[in-house]
Amino acid sequence: MSTDFVVFISHRTLFTALFILLPILGSALVVGLMVGLFQAVTSIQEITLTFIPKIAIVGLVLLLLIPWMLDLVIGFNLLIFDQIVQLGR
Protein backbone atom coordinates (compact mmCIF):
# COMPACT_ATOMS: atom_id res chain seq x y z
CA MET A 1 0.00 0.00 0.00
CA SER A 2 1.56 3.27 -1.12
CA THR A 3 1.33 6.72 0.36
CA ASP A 4 -0.57 7.95 -2.69
CA PHE A 5 -3.22 5.31 -2.12
CA VAL A 6 -3.69 6.29 1.53
CA VAL A 7 -3.92 9.97 0.60
CA PHE A 8 -6.45 9.16 -2.14
CA ILE A 9 -8.68 7.12 0.19
CA SER A 10 -8.40 9.74 2.96
CA HIS A 11 -9.29 12.50 0.51
CA ARG A 12 -12.33 10.65 -0.80
CA THR A 13 -13.47 9.77 2.74
CA LEU A 14 -13.27 13.35 3.99
CA PHE A 15 -14.98 14.82 0.96
CA THR A 16 -17.76 12.23 1.05
CA ALA A 17 -18.39 13.03 4.72
CA LEU A 18 -18.27 16.76 3.96
CA PHE A 19 -20.75 16.48 1.09
CA ILE A 20 -23.15 14.50 3.26
CA LEU A 21 -22.93 16.73 6.34
CA LEU A 22 -22.79 20.15 4.67
CA PRO A 23 -26.50 20.43 3.76
CA ILE A 24 -27.57 19.27 7.22
CA LEU A 25 -25.24 21.54 9.16
CA GLY A 26 -25.76 24.44 6.77
CA SER A 27 -29.52 24.36 7.13
CA ALA A 28 -29.25 24.16 10.93
CA LEU A 29 -26.85 27.13 10.88
CA VAL A 30 -29.14 29.26 8.71
CA VAL A 31 -32.20 28.49 10.82
CA GLY A 32 -30.25 29.16 14.02
CA LEU A 33 -29.11 32.53 12.70
CA MET A 34 -32.64 33.47 11.61
CA VAL A 35 -34.13 32.50 14.97
CA GLY A 36 -31.34 34.35 16.79
CA LEU A 37 -32.00 37.45 14.70
CA PHE A 38 -35.72 37.14 15.42
CA GLN A 39 -35.00 36.85 19.14
CA ALA A 40 -32.73 39.88 19.06
CA VAL A 41 -35.27 42.00 17.20
CA THR A 42 -38.23 41.03 19.38
CA SER A 43 -36.28 40.79 22.67
CA ILE A 44 -37.63 37.29 23.29
CA GLN A 45 -35.04 35.46 25.37
CA GLU A 46 -36.51 31.96 25.30
CA ILE A 47 -33.64 29.46 25.16
CA THR A 48 -35.71 26.54 23.87
CA LEU A 49 -37.13 28.53 20.93
CA THR A 50 -34.25 27.54 18.64
CA PHE A 51 -34.61 23.78 19.01
CA ILE A 52 -37.98 23.16 17.34
CA PRO A 53 -37.23 25.01 14.07
CA LYS A 54 -33.78 23.42 13.84
CA ILE A 55 -35.13 19.92 14.37
CA ALA A 56 -37.90 20.50 11.84
CA ILE A 57 -35.59 21.88 9.15
CA VAL A 58 -32.92 19.22 9.65
CA GLY A 59 -35.61 16.53 9.46
CA LEU A 60 -36.99 18.05 6.26
CA VAL A 61 -33.52 18.31 4.71
CA LEU A 62 -32.81 14.69 5.61
CA LEU A 63 -36.13 13.60 4.16
CA LEU A 64 -35.53 15.44 0.89
CA LEU A 65 -31.83 14.63 0.43
CA ILE A 66 -31.62 11.03 1.67
CA PRO A 67 -31.64 9.55 -1.88
CA TRP A 68 -28.74 11.80 -2.90
CA MET A 69 -26.85 10.99 0.30
CA LEU A 70 -27.37 7.26 -0.22
CA ASP A 71 -26.04 7.56 -3.78
CA LEU A 72 -22.90 9.21 -2.42
CA VAL A 73 -22.38 6.55 0.24
CA ILE A 74 -23.04 3.68 -2.18
CA GLY A 75 -20.62 5.17 -4.71
CA PHE A 76 -17.98 5.55 -2.02
CA ASN A 77 -18.50 1.98 -0.83
CA LEU A 78 -18.19 0.65 -4.36
CA LEU A 79 -14.94 2.57 -4.75
CA ILE A 80 -13.59 1.09 -1.51
CA PHE A 81 -14.62 -2.43 -2.49
CA ASP A 82 -12.95 -2.03 -5.89
CA GLN A 83 -9.78 -0.85 -4.18
CA ILE A 84 -9.86 -3.84 -1.82
CA VAL A 85 -10.14 -6.20 -4.78
CA GLN A 86 -7.24 -4.50 -6.55
CA LEU A 87 -5.10 -4.68 -3.40
CA GLY A 88 -5.76 -8.41 -3.16
CA ARG A 89 -4.29 -9.06 -6.61
PDB file of N, CA and C in Angstrom:
ATOM      1  N   MET A   1       0.851  -1.170   0.000  1.00  0.00           N
ATOM      2  CA  MET A   1       0.000   0.000   0.000  1.00  0.00           C
ATOM      3  C   MET A   1       0.900   1.237   0.000  1.00  0.00           C
ATOM      4  N   SER A   2       0.711   2.101  -0.988  1.00  0.00           N
ATOM      5  CA  SER A   2       1.565   3.274  -1.122  1.00  0.00           C
ATOM      6  C   SER A   2       0.968   4.475  -0.393  1.00  0.00           C
ATOM      7  N   THR A   3       1.778   5.485  -0.274  1.00  0.00           N
ATOM      8  CA  THR A   3       1.332   6.721   0.361  1.00  0.00           C
ATOM      9  C   THR A   3       0.268   7.410  -0.487  1.00  0.00           C
ATOM     10  N   ASP A   4       0.425   7.338  -1.803  1.00  0.00           N
ATOM     11  CA  ASP A   4      -0.571   7.953  -2.685  1.00  0.00           C
ATOM     12  C   ASP A   4      -1.941   7.310  -2.506  1.00  0.00           C
ATOM     13  N   PHE A   5      -1.959   6.009  -2.321  1.00  0.00           N
ATOM     14  CA  PHE A   5      -3.223   5.305  -2.121  1.00  0.00           C
ATOM     15  C   PHE A   5      -3.903   5.750  -0.834  1.00  0.00           C
ATOM     16  N   VAL A   6      -3.129   5.867   0.234  1.00  0.00           N
ATOM     17  CA  VAL A   6      -3.687   6.287   1.526  1.00  0.00           C
ATOM     18  C   VAL A   6      -4.212   7.720   1.440  1.00  0.00           C
ATOM     19  N   VAL A   7      -3.475   8.585   0.763  1.00  0.00           N
ATOM     20  CA  VAL A   7      -3.916   9.968   0.599  1.00  0.00           C
ATOM     21  C   VAL A   7      -5.193  10.016  -0.236  1.00  0.00           C
ATOM     22  N   PHE A   8      -5.261   9.207  -1.292  1.00  0.00           N
ATOM     23  CA  PHE A   8      -6.452   9.165  -2.140  1.00  0.00           C
ATOM     24  C   PHE A   8      -7.675   8.714  -1.350  1.00  0.00           C
ATOM     25  N   ILE A   9      -7.549   7.640  -0.599  1.00  0.00           N
ATOM     26  CA  ILE A   9      -8.680   7.125   0.189  1.00  0.00           C
ATOM     27  C   ILE A   9      -9.072   8.121   1.276  1.00  0.00           C
ATOM     28  N   SER A  10      -8.101   8.738   1.929  1.00  0.00           N
ATOM     29  CA  SER A  10      -8.402   9.740   2.961  1.00  0.00           C
ATOM     30  C   SER A  10      -9.125  10.935   2.358  1.00  0.00           C
ATOM     31  N   HIS A  11      -8.663  11.377   1.200  1.00  0.00           N
ATOM     32  CA  HIS A  11      -9.289  12.502   0.511  1.00  0.00           C
ATOM     33  C   HIS A  11     -10.736  12.196   0.158  1.00  0.00           C
ATOM     34  N   ARG A  12     -10.970  11.029  -0.419  1.00  0.00           N
ATOM     35  CA  ARG A  12     -12.331  10.647  -0.798  1.00  0.00           C
ATOM     36  C   ARG A  12     -13.232  10.496   0.431  1.00  0.00           C
ATOM     37  N   THR A  13     -12.684   9.951   1.512  1.00  0.00           N
ATOM     38  CA  THR A  13     -13.467   9.773   2.738  1.00  0.00           C
ATOM     39  C   THR A  13     -13.889  11.118   3.316  1.00  0.00           C
ATOM     40  N   LEU A  14     -12.950  12.043   3.421  1.00  0.00           N
ATOM     41  CA  LEU A  14     -13.266  13.350   3.994  1.00  0.00           C
ATOM     42  C   LEU A  14     -14.247  14.127   3.127  1.00  0.00           C
ATOM     43  N   PHE A  15     -14.068  14.086   1.821  1.00  0.00           N
ATOM     44  CA  PHE A  15     -14.984  14.822   0.957  1.00  0.00           C
ATOM     45  C   PHE A  15     -16.371  14.186   0.904  1.00  0.00           C
ATOM     46  N   THR A  16     -16.448  12.879   0.990  1.00  0.00           N
ATOM     47  CA  THR A  16     -17.762  12.234   1.049  1.00  0.00           C
ATOM     48  C   THR A  16     -18.486  12.637   2.335  1.00  0.00           C
ATOM     49  N   ALA A  17     -17.780  12.614   3.449  1.00  0.00           N
ATOM     50  CA  ALA A  17     -18.386  13.030   4.720  1.00  0.00           C
ATOM     51  C   ALA A  17     -18.794  14.502   4.674  1.00  0.00           C
ATOM     52  N   LEU A  18     -17.958  15.335   4.066  1.00  0.00           N
ATOM     53  CA  LEU A  18     -18.269  16.759   3.960  1.00  0.00           C
ATOM     54  C   LEU A  18     -19.503  16.994   3.101  1.00  0.00           C
ATOM     55  N   PHE A  19     -19.599  16.307   1.967  1.00  0.00           N
ATOM     56  CA  PHE A  19     -20.753  16.479   1.091  1.00  0.00           C
ATOM     57  C   PHE A  19     -22.040  15.997   1.747  1.00  0.00           C
ATOM     58  N   ILE A  20     -21.950  14.995   2.590  1.00  0.00           N
ATOM     59  CA  ILE A  20     -23.149  14.495   3.256  1.00  0.00           C
ATOM     60  C   ILE A  20     -23.567  15.420   4.404  1.00  0.00           C
ATOM     61  N   LEU A  21     -22.606  15.930   5.157  1.00  0.00           N
ATOM     62  CA  LEU A  21     -22.932  16.729   6.335  1.00  0.00           C
ATOM     63  C   LEU A  21     -23.197  18.199   6.046  1.00  0.00           C
ATOM     64  N   LEU A  22     -22.658  18.722   4.942  1.00  0.00           N
ATOM     65  CA  LEU A  22     -22.789  20.146   4.674  1.00  0.00           C
ATOM     66  C   LEU A  22     -24.239  20.627   4.544  1.00  0.00           C
ATOM     67  N   PRO A  23     -25.114  19.944   3.815  1.00  0.00           N
ATOM     68  CA  PRO A  23     -26.504  20.433   3.762  1.00  0.00           C
ATOM     69  C   PRO A  23     -27.210  20.401   5.117  1.00  0.00           C
ATOM     70  N   ILE A  24     -26.917  19.384   5.906  1.00  0.00           N
ATOM     71  CA  ILE A  24     -27.568  19.265   7.217  1.00  0.00           C
ATOM     72  C   ILE A  24     -27.092  20.378   8.152  1.00  0.00           C
ATOM     73  N   LEU A  25     -25.782  20.519   8.265  1.00  0.00           N
ATOM     74  CA  LEU A  25     -25.242  21.536   9.161  1.00  0.00           C
ATOM     75  C   LEU A  25     -25.511  22.944   8.650  1.00  0.00           C
ATOM     76  N   GLY A  26     -25.483  23.125   7.343  1.00  0.00           N
ATOM     77  CA  GLY A  26     -25.757  24.442   6.771  1.00  0.00           C
ATOM     78  C   GLY A  26     -27.180  24.895   7.028  1.00  0.00           C
ATOM     79  N   SER A  27     -28.130  23.987   6.869  1.00  0.00           N
ATOM     80  CA  SER A  27     -29.522  24.355   7.131  1.00  0.00           C
ATOM     81  C   SER A  27     -29.739  24.662   8.610  1.00  0.00           C
ATOM     82  N   ALA A  28     -29.124  23.886   9.490  1.00  0.00           N
ATOM     83  CA  ALA A  28     -29.248  24.161  10.930  1.00  0.00           C
ATOM     84  C   ALA A  28     -28.616  25.509  11.279  1.00  0.00           C
ATOM     85  N   LEU A  29     -27.505  25.840  10.630  1.00  0.00           N
ATOM     86  CA  LEU A  29     -26.850  27.126  10.876  1.00  0.00           C
ATOM     87  C   LEU A  29     -27.723  28.287  10.420  1.00  0.00           C
ATOM     88  N   VAL A  30     -28.299  28.179   9.233  1.00  0.00           N
ATOM     89  CA  VAL A  30     -29.135  29.260   8.708  1.00  0.00           C
ATOM     90  C   VAL A  30     -30.372  29.458   9.586  1.00  0.00           C
ATOM     91  N   VAL A  31     -31.011  28.369   9.968  1.00  0.00           N
ATOM     92  CA  VAL A  31     -32.196  28.486  10.825  1.00  0.00           C
ATOM     93  C   VAL A  31     -31.821  29.057  12.189  1.00  0.00           C
ATOM     94  N   GLY A  32     -30.699  28.627  12.732  1.00  0.00           N
ATOM     95  CA  GLY A  32     -30.253  29.164  14.017  1.00  0.00           C
ATOM     96  C   GLY A  32     -29.978  30.656  13.953  1.00  0.00           C
ATOM     97  N   LEU A  33     -29.365  31.106  12.854  1.00  0.00           N
ATOM     98  CA  LEU A  33     -29.112  32.533  12.702  1.00  0.00           C
ATOM     99  C   LEU A  33     -30.411  33.327  12.543  1.00  0.00           C
ATOM    100  N   MET A  34     -31.358  32.769  11.787  1.00  0.00           N
ATOM    101  CA  MET A  34     -32.637  33.467  11.609  1.00  0.00           C
ATOM    102  C   MET A  34     -33.415  33.556  12.922  1.00  0.00           C
ATOM    103  N   VAL A  35     -33.432  32.482  13.685  1.00  0.00           N
ATOM    104  CA  VAL A  35     -34.132  32.503  14.973  1.00  0.00           C
ATOM    105  C   VAL A  35     -33.415  33.439  15.945  1.00  0.00           C
ATOM    106  N   GLY A  36     -32.092  33.434  15.930  1.00  0.00           N
ATOM    107  CA  GLY A  36     -31.337  34.353  16.785  1.00  0.00           C
ATOM    108  C   GLY A  36     -31.597  35.809  16.432  1.00  0.00           C
ATOM    109  N   LEU A  37     -31.680  36.091  15.135  1.00  0.00           N
ATOM    110  CA  LEU A  37     -32.001  37.454  14.705  1.00  0.00           C
ATOM    111  C   LEU A  37     -33.413  37.834  15.129  1.00  0.00           C
ATOM    112  N   PHE A  38     -34.349  36.890  14.976  1.00  0.00           N
ATOM    113  CA  PHE A  38     -35.720  37.138  15.423  1.00  0.00           C
ATOM    114  C   PHE A  38     -35.780  37.408  16.924  1.00  0.00           C
ATOM    115  N   GLN A  39     -35.015  36.641  17.691  1.00  0.00           N
ATOM    116  CA  GLN A  39     -34.997  36.852  19.142  1.00  0.00           C
ATOM    117  C   GLN A  39     -34.375  38.191  19.497  1.00  0.00           C
ATOM    118  N   ALA A  40     -33.356  38.601  18.766  1.00  0.00           N
ATOM    119  CA  ALA A  40     -32.725  39.884  19.057  1.00  0.00           C
ATOM    120  C   ALA A  40     -33.647  41.052  18.715  1.00  0.00           C
ATOM    121  N   VAL A  41     -34.383  40.918  17.621  1.00  0.00           N
ATOM    122  CA  VAL A  41     -35.275  42.000  17.202  1.00  0.00           C
ATOM    123  C   VAL A  41     -36.473  42.120  18.136  1.00  0.00           C
ATOM    124  N   THR A  42     -37.024  40.989  18.551  1.00  0.00           N
ATOM    125  CA  THR A  42     -38.233  41.029  19.384  1.00  0.00           C
ATOM    126  C   THR A  42     -37.938  40.982  20.881  1.00  0.00           C
ATOM    127  N   SER A  43     -36.703  40.857  21.265  1.00  0.00           N
ATOM    128  CA  SER A  43     -36.281  40.787  22.671  1.00  0.00           C
ATOM    129  C   SER A  43     -36.879  39.594  23.401  1.00  0.00           C
ATOM    130  N   ILE A  44     -37.170  38.535  22.672  1.00  0.00           N
ATOM    131  CA  ILE A  44     -37.632  37.290  23.288  1.00  0.00           C
ATOM    132  C   ILE A  44     -36.380  36.487  23.657  1.00  0.00           C
ATOM    133  N   GLN A  45     -36.229  36.170  24.914  1.00  0.00           N
ATOM    134  CA  GLN A  45     -35.039  35.464  25.375  1.00  0.00           C
ATOM    135  C   GLN A  45     -35.357  34.034  25.804  1.00  0.00           C
ATOM    136  N   GLU A  46     -36.151  33.355  25.018  1.00  0.00           N
ATOM    137  CA  GLU A  46     -36.507  31.964  25.295  1.00  0.00           C
ATOM    138  C   GLU A  46     -35.413  31.056  24.729  1.00  0.00           C
ATOM    139  N   ILE A  47     -34.771  30.286  25.581  1.00  0.00           N
ATOM    140  CA  ILE A  47     -33.640  29.458  25.160  1.00  0.00           C
ATOM    141  C   ILE A  47     -34.099  28.294  24.286  1.00  0.00           C
ATOM    142  N   THR A  48     -35.249  27.733  24.594  1.00  0.00           N
ATOM    143  CA  THR A  48     -35.706  26.544  23.866  1.00  0.00           C
ATOM    144  C   THR A  48     -36.351  26.865  22.524  1.00  0.00           C
ATOM    145  N   LEU A  49     -36.488  28.136  22.188  1.00  0.00           N
ATOM    146  CA  LEU A  49     -37.133  28.528  20.935  1.00  0.00           C
ATOM    147  C   LEU A  49     -36.350  28.066  19.710  1.00  0.00           C
ATOM    148  N   THR A  50     -35.054  27.907  19.812  1.00  0.00           N
ATOM    149  CA  THR A  50     -34.250  27.544  18.643  1.00  0.00           C
ATOM    150  C   THR A  50     -34.326  26.058  18.307  1.00  0.00           C
ATOM    151  N   PHE A  51     -34.682  25.221  19.241  1.00  0.00           N
ATOM    152  CA  PHE A  51     -34.609  23.778  19.008  1.00  0.00           C
ATOM    153  C   PHE A  51     -35.668  23.261  18.038  1.00  0.00           C
ATOM    154  N   ILE A  52     -36.896  23.680  18.180  1.00  0.00           N
ATOM    155  CA  ILE A  52     -37.976  23.157  17.340  1.00  0.00           C
ATOM    156  C   ILE A  52     -37.766  23.493  15.863  1.00  0.00           C
ATOM    157  N   PRO A  53     -37.472  24.744  15.498  1.00  0.00           N
ATOM    158  CA  PRO A  53     -37.233  25.012  14.073  1.00  0.00           C
ATOM    159  C   PRO A  53     -36.020  24.263  13.514  1.00  0.00           C
ATOM    160  N   LYS A  54     -34.960  24.148  14.305  1.00  0.00           N
ATOM    161  CA  LYS A  54     -33.776  23.421  13.836  1.00  0.00           C
ATOM    162  C   LYS A  54     -34.088  21.954  13.596  1.00  0.00           C
ATOM    163  N   ILE A  55     -34.782  21.338  14.524  1.00  0.00           N
ATOM    164  CA  ILE A  55     -35.128  19.925  14.371  1.00  0.00           C
ATOM    165  C   ILE A  55     -36.032  19.726  13.161  1.00  0.00           C
ATOM    166  N   ALA A  56     -36.985  20.621  12.968  1.00  0.00           N
ATOM    167  CA  ALA A  56     -37.901  20.501  11.835  1.00  0.00           C
ATOM    168  C   ALA A  56     -37.169  20.657  10.505  1.00  0.00           C
ATOM    169  N   ILE A  57     -36.305  21.649  10.402  1.00  0.00           N
ATOM    170  CA  ILE A  57     -35.594  21.884   9.147  1.00  0.00           C
ATOM    171  C   ILE A  57     -34.601  20.767   8.864  1.00  0.00           C
ATOM    172  N   VAL A  58     -33.879  20.314   9.865  1.00  0.00           N
ATOM    173  CA  VAL A  58     -32.924  19.217   9.653  1.00  0.00           C
ATOM    174  C   VAL A  58     -33.673  17.947   9.247  1.00  0.00           C
ATOM    175  N   GLY A  59     -34.804  17.684   9.856  1.00  0.00           N
ATOM    176  CA  GLY A  59     -35.613  16.532   9.456  1.00  0.00           C
ATOM    177  C   GLY A  59     -36.102  16.644   8.026  1.00  0.00           C
ATOM    178  N   LEU A  60     -36.531  17.832   7.629  1.00  0.00           N
ATOM    179  CA  LEU A  60     -36.986  18.055   6.260  1.00  0.00           C
ATOM    180  C   LEU A  60     -35.849  17.904   5.255  1.00  0.00           C
ATOM    181  N   VAL A  61     -34.683  18.447   5.588  1.00  0.00           N
ATOM    182  CA  VAL A  61     -33.518  18.313   4.708  1.00  0.00           C
ATOM    183  C   VAL A  61     -33.126  16.850   4.580  1.00  0.00           C
ATOM    184  N   LEU A  62     -33.123  16.124   5.675  1.00  0.00           N
ATOM    185  CA  LEU A  62     -32.807  14.692   5.608  1.00  0.00           C
ATOM    186  C   LEU A  62     -33.821  13.936   4.762  1.00  0.00           C
ATOM    187  N   LEU A  63     -35.088  14.261   4.924  1.00  0.00           N
ATOM    188  CA  LEU A  63     -36.130  13.596   4.160  1.00  0.00           C
ATOM    189  C   LEU A  63     -35.986  13.860   2.661  1.00  0.00           C
ATOM    190  N   LEU A  64     -35.653  15.087   2.305  1.00  0.00           N
ATOM    191  CA  LEU A  64     -35.529  15.444   0.895  1.00  0.00           C
ATOM    192  C   LEU A  64     -34.228  14.955   0.259  1.00  0.00           C
ATOM    193  N   LEU A  65     -33.137  14.927   1.018  1.00  0.00           N
ATOM    194  CA  LEU A  65     -31.833  14.631   0.434  1.00  0.00           C
ATOM    195  C   LEU A  65     -31.318  13.218   0.697  1.00  0.00           C
ATOM    196  N   ILE A  66     -32.104  12.380   1.356  1.00  0.00           N
ATOM    197  CA  ILE A  66     -31.616  11.034   1.669  1.00  0.00           C
ATOM    198  C   ILE A  66     -31.311  10.207   0.421  1.00  0.00           C
ATOM    199  N   PRO A  67     -32.045  10.319  -0.687  1.00  0.00           N
ATOM    200  CA  PRO A  67     -31.637   9.549  -1.876  1.00  0.00           C
ATOM    201  C   PRO A  67     -30.274   9.979  -2.421  1.00  0.00           C
ATOM    202  N   TRP A  68     -30.025  11.282  -2.438  1.00  0.00           N
ATOM    203  CA  TRP A  68     -28.737  11.795  -2.902  1.00  0.00           C
ATOM    204  C   TRP A  68     -27.611  11.349  -1.964  1.00  0.00           C
ATOM    205  N   MET A  69     -27.855  11.403  -0.666  1.00  0.00           N
ATOM    206  CA  MET A  69     -26.845  10.985   0.300  1.00  0.00           C
ATOM    207  C   MET A  69     -26.548   9.493   0.167  1.00  0.00           C
ATOM    208  N   LEU A  70     -27.580   8.692  -0.035  1.00  0.00           N
ATOM    209  CA  LEU A  70     -27.368   7.258  -0.216  1.00  0.00           C
ATOM    210  C   LEU A  70     -26.580   6.965  -1.489  1.00  0.00           C
ATOM    211  N   ASP A  71     -26.837   7.720  -2.552  1.00  0.00           N
ATOM    212  CA  ASP A  71     -26.043   7.559  -3.777  1.00  0.00           C
ATOM    213  C   ASP A  71     -24.571   7.846  -3.520  1.00  0.00           C
ATOM    214  N   LEU A  72     -24.291   8.898  -2.754  1.00  0.00           N
ATOM    215  CA  LEU A  72     -22.902   9.214  -2.425  1.00  0.00           C
ATOM    216  C   LEU A  72     -22.244   8.096  -1.622  1.00  0.00           C
ATOM    217  N   VAL A  73     -22.943   7.599  -0.617  1.00  0.00           N
ATOM    218  CA  VAL A  73     -22.385   6.549   0.239  1.00  0.00           C
ATOM    219  C   VAL A  73     -22.200   5.250  -0.540  1.00  0.00           C
ATOM    220  N   ILE A  74     -23.163   4.909  -1.384  1.00  0.00           N
ATOM    221  CA  ILE A  74     -23.039   3.683  -2.179  1.00  0.00           C
ATOM    222  C   ILE A  74     -21.880   3.799  -3.162  1.00  0.00           C
ATOM    223  N   GLY A  75     -21.746   4.959  -3.807  1.00  0.00           N
ATOM    224  CA  GLY A  75     -20.619   5.168  -4.714  1.00  0.00           C
ATOM    225  C   GLY A  75     -19.286   5.071  -3.997  1.00  0.00           C
ATOM    226  N   PHE A  76     -19.215   5.632  -2.798  1.00  0.00           N
ATOM    227  CA  PHE A  76     -17.983   5.549  -2.017  1.00  0.00           C
ATOM    228  C   PHE A  76     -17.680   4.108  -1.617  1.00  0.00           C
ATOM    229  N   ASN A  77     -18.704   3.373  -1.205  1.00  0.00           N
ATOM    230  CA  ASN A  77     -18.500   1.975  -0.828  1.00  0.00           C
ATOM    231  C   ASN A  77     -18.051   1.131  -2.010  1.00  0.00           C
ATOM    232  N   LEU A  78     -18.625   1.370  -3.178  1.00  0.00           N
ATOM    233  CA  LEU A  78     -18.185   0.646  -4.365  1.00  0.00           C
ATOM    234  C   LEU A  78     -16.735   0.952  -4.698  1.00  0.00           C
ATOM    235  N   LEU A  79     -16.345   2.204  -4.541  1.00  0.00           N
ATOM    236  CA  LEU A  79     -14.939   2.575  -4.754  1.00  0.00           C
ATOM    237  C   LEU A  79     -14.025   1.837  -3.776  1.00  0.00           C
ATOM    238  N   ILE A  80     -14.401   1.781  -2.527  1.00  0.00           N
ATOM    239  CA  ILE A  80     -13.594   1.093  -1.511  1.00  0.00           C
ATOM    240  C   ILE A  80     -13.509  -0.400  -1.816  1.00  0.00           C
ATOM    241  N   PHE A  81     -14.633  -1.000  -2.179  1.00  0.00           N
ATOM    242  CA  PHE A  81     -14.621  -2.432  -2.489  1.00  0.00           C
ATOM    243  C   PHE A  81     -13.762  -2.724  -3.715  1.00  0.00           C
ATOM    244  N   ASP A  82     -13.815  -1.856  -4.727  1.00  0.00           N
ATOM    245  CA  ASP A  82     -12.948  -2.032  -5.892  1.00  0.00           C
ATOM    246  C   ASP A  82     -11.478  -1.923  -5.513  1.00  0.00           C
ATOM    247  N   GLN A  83     -11.174  -1.005  -4.613  1.00  0.00           N
ATOM    248  CA  GLN A  83      -9.782  -0.846  -4.182  1.00  0.00           C
ATOM    249  C   GLN A  83      -9.318  -2.062  -3.374  1.00  0.00           C
ATOM    250  N   ILE A  84     -10.211  -2.646  -2.581  1.00  0.00           N
ATOM    251  CA  ILE A  84      -9.860  -3.839  -1.820  1.00  0.00           C
ATOM    252  C   ILE A  84      -9.560  -4.999  -2.765  1.00  0.00           C
ATOM    253  N   VAL A  85     -10.366  -5.138  -3.804  1.00  0.00           N
ATOM    254  CA  VAL A  85     -10.142  -6.204  -4.783  1.00  0.00           C
ATOM    255  C   VAL A  85      -8.813  -6.004  -5.480  1.00  0.00           C
ATOM    256  N   GLN A  86      -8.498  -4.772  -5.860  1.00  0.00           N
ATOM    257  CA  GLN A  86      -7.239  -4.499  -6.552  1.00  0.00           C
ATOM    258  C   GLN A  86      -6.045  -4.696  -5.625  1.00  0.00           C
ATOM    259  N   LEU A  87      -6.197  -4.434  -4.350  1.00  0.00           N
ATOM    260  CA  LEU A  87      -5.100  -4.678  -3.402  1.00  0.00           C
ATOM    261  C   LEU A  87      -4.850  -6.159  -3.215  1.00  0.00           C
ATOM    262  N   GLY A  88      -5.898  -6.965  -3.355  1.00  0.00           N
ATOM    263  CA  GLY A  88      -5.760  -8.406  -3.163  1.00  0.00           C
ATOM    264  C   GLY A  88      -5.064  -9.103  -4.318  1.00  0.00           C
ATOM    265  N   ARG A  89      -4.939  -8.435  -5.440  1.00  0.00           N
ATOM    266  CA  ARG A  89      -4.295  -9.058  -6.614  1.00  0.00           C
ATOM    267  C   ARG A  89      -2.812  -9.063  -6.509  1.00  0.00           C
TER     268      ARG A  89
END
